[in-house]
Amino acid sequence: MLAQREVDAKSNEITAFRPLLEPLDLISAVVTFDALLTQTDHAKFLVEEKRAHYIAVLKGNHPSLHTLVKDLP
């Protein structure tokens, strides 16, 4: 674990994702996160801005994305 951040009671982890990871050098690092944080903006931030890789939990509540990845090896 590289970092952690307390989340306000009136907020959630989604809004804390970017501020937590922004100051870190993540080039070629692998970031993992659960289904709650599986957001398009998070993936773009990691790949395009931080040049990192990621492993995200994908559930059925993302049907379009689920369809795209279900046939991957």
C-alpha atoms as a PDB file:
ATOM      1  CA  MET A   1       0.000   0.000   0.000  1.00  0.00           C
ATOM      2  CA  LEU A   2       1.367   3.394  -0.996  1.00  0.00           C
ATOM      3  CA  ALA A   3      -1.302   5.716   0.341  1.00  0.00           C
ATOM      4  CA  GLN A   4      -4.584   5.977   2.164  1.00  0.00           C
ATOM      5  CA  ARG A   5      -6.986   8.796   2.828  1.00  0.00           C
ATOM      6  CA  GLU A   6      -9.880   9.280   5.223  1.00  0.00           C
ATOM      7  CA  VAL A   7     -13.166   9.948   3.477  1.00  0.00           C
ATOM      8  CA  ASP A   8     -15.629  12.436   4.975  1.00  0.00           C
ATOM      9  CA  ALA A   9     -18.856  10.948   6.294  1.00  0.00           C
ATOM     10  CA  LYS A  10     -20.840  12.959   3.719  1.00  0.00           C
ATOM     11  CA  SER A  11     -18.685  11.774   0.817  1.00  0.00           C
ATOM     12  CA  ASN A  12     -17.492   8.483  -0.656  1.00  0.00           C
ATOM     13  CA  GLU A  13     -14.400   6.815  -2.081  1.00  0.00           C
ATOM     14  CA  ILE A  14     -15.206   7.835  -5.650  1.00  0.00           C
ATOM     15  CA  THR A  15     -14.396  11.501  -5.007  1.00  0.00           C
ATOM     16  CA  ALA A  16     -11.241  10.602  -3.043  1.00  0.00           C
ATOM     17  CA  PHE A  17      -9.706   8.456  -5.811  1.00  0.00           C
ATOM     18  CA  ARG A  18      -7.944  11.145  -7.842  1.00  0.00           C
ATOM     19  CA  PRO A  19      -6.740  13.322  -4.915  1.00  0.00           C
ATOM     20  CA  LEU A  20      -5.241  10.233  -3.298  1.00  0.00           C
ATOM     21  CA  LEU A  21      -3.305   9.119  -6.377  1.00  0.00           C
ATOM     22  CA  GLU A  22      -2.491  12.497  -7.960  1.00  0.00           C
ATOM     23  CA  PRO A  23       0.776  13.139  -6.080  1.00  0.00           C
ATOM     24  CA  LEU A  24       2.146   9.613  -6.594  1.00  0.00           C
ATOM     25  CA  ASP A  25       4.546   8.512  -9.338  1.00  0.00           C
ATOM     26  CA  LEU A  26       2.603   5.611 -10.835  1.00  0.00           C
ATOM     27  CA  ILE A  27       4.424   5.153 -14.145  1.00  0.00           C
ATOM     28  CA  SER A  28       4.169   1.441 -14.989  1.00  0.00           C
ATOM     29  CA  ALA A  29       2.628   0.671 -11.579  1.00  0.00           C
ATOM     30  CA  VAL A  30      -0.449  -1.520 -11.296  1.00  0.00           C
ATOM     31  CA  VAL A  31      -3.341   0.035  -9.371  1.00  0.00           C
ATOM     32  CA  THR A  32      -6.143  -2.229  -8.171  1.00  0.00           C
ATOM     33  CA  PHE A  33      -9.596  -1.155  -7.067  1.00  0.00           C
ATOM     34  CA  ASP A  34     -13.003  -2.613  -6.309  1.00  0.00           C
ATOM     35  CA  ALA A  35     -16.252  -2.331  -8.245  1.00  0.00           C
ATOM     36  CA  LEU A  36     -17.294   0.931  -6.563  1.00  0.00           C
ATOM     37  CA  LEU A  37     -14.275   2.667  -8.119  1.00  0.00           C
ATOM     38  CA  THR A  38     -14.698   1.139 -11.577  1.00  0.00           C
ATOM     39  CA  GLN A  39     -15.314   4.436 -13.343  1.00  0.00           C
ATOM     40  CA  THR A  40     -14.352   5.522 -16.865  1.00  0.00           C
ATOM     41  CA  ASP A  41     -12.763   8.710 -15.525  1.00  0.00           C
ATOM     42  CA  HIS A  42     -10.589   6.722 -13.136  1.00  0.00           C
ATOM     43  CA  ALA A  43      -9.318   4.454 -15.904  1.00  0.00           C
ATOM     44  CA  LYS A  44      -8.557   7.420 -18.180  1.00  0.00           C
ATOM     45  CA  PHE A  45      -6.777   9.244 -15.351  1.00  0.00           C
ATOM     46  CA  LEU A  46      -4.572   6.252 -14.608  1.00  0.00           C
ATOM     47  CA  VAL A  47      -3.690   5.431 -18.212  1.00  0.00           C
ATOM     48  CA  GLU A  48      -3.500   8.872 -19.814  1.00  0.00           C
ATOM     49  CA  GLU A  49      -2.211  11.046 -16.981  1.00  0.00           C
ATOM     50  CA  LYS A  50      -0.398   8.711 -14.599  1.00  0.00           C
ATOM     51  CA  ARG A  51       0.793   6.207 -17.267  1.00  0.00           C
ATOM     52  CA  ALA A  52      -0.168   3.355 -14.952  1.00  0.00           C
ATOM     53  CA  HIS A  53      -1.887   0.022 -15.426  1.00  0.00           C
ATOM     54  CA  TYR A  54      -4.954  -1.056 -13.503  1.00  0.00           C
ATOM     55  CA  ILE A  55      -6.970  -4.057 -12.435  1.00  0.00           C
ATOM     56  CA  ALA A  56     -10.611  -3.196 -11.828  1.00  0.00           C
ATOM     57  CA  VAL A  57     -13.460  -5.316 -10.556  1.00  0.00           C
ATOM     58  CA  LEU A  58     -16.226  -5.333 -13.136  1.00  0.00           C
ATOM     59  CA  LYS A  59     -19.801  -6.241 -12.226  1.00  0.00           C
ATOM     60  CA  GLY A  60     -22.919  -6.641 -14.301  1.00  0.00           C
ATOM     61  CA  ASN A  61     -24.086  -3.091 -13.553  1.00  0.00           C
ATOM     62  CA  HIS A  62     -21.756  -1.976 -16.373  1.00  0.00           C
ATOM     63  CA  PRO A  63     -23.451  -3.987 -19.155  1.00  0.00           C
ATOM     64  CA  SER A  64     -21.709  -2.339 -22.132  1.00  0.00           C
ATOM     65  CA  LEU A  65     -18.260  -2.711 -20.617  1.00  0.00           C
ATOM     66  CA  HIS A  66     -19.083  -6.211 -19.407  1.00  0.00           C
ATOM     67  CA  THR A  67     -20.020  -7.193 -22.980  1.00  0.00           C
ATOM     68  CA  LEU A  68     -16.718  -5.830 -24.313  1.00  0.00           C
ATOM     69  CA  VAL A  69     -14.515  -7.748 -21.901  1.00  0.00           C
ATOM     70  CA  LYS A  70     -16.376 -11.036 -21.385  1.00  0.00           C
ATOM     71  CA  ASP A  71     -14.744 -12.659 -24.414  1.00  0.00           C
ATOM     72  CA  LEU A  72     -11.179 -11.645 -23.579  1.00  0.00           C
ATOM     73  CA  PRO A  73      -8.782 -14.536 -22.937  1.00  0.00           C
END
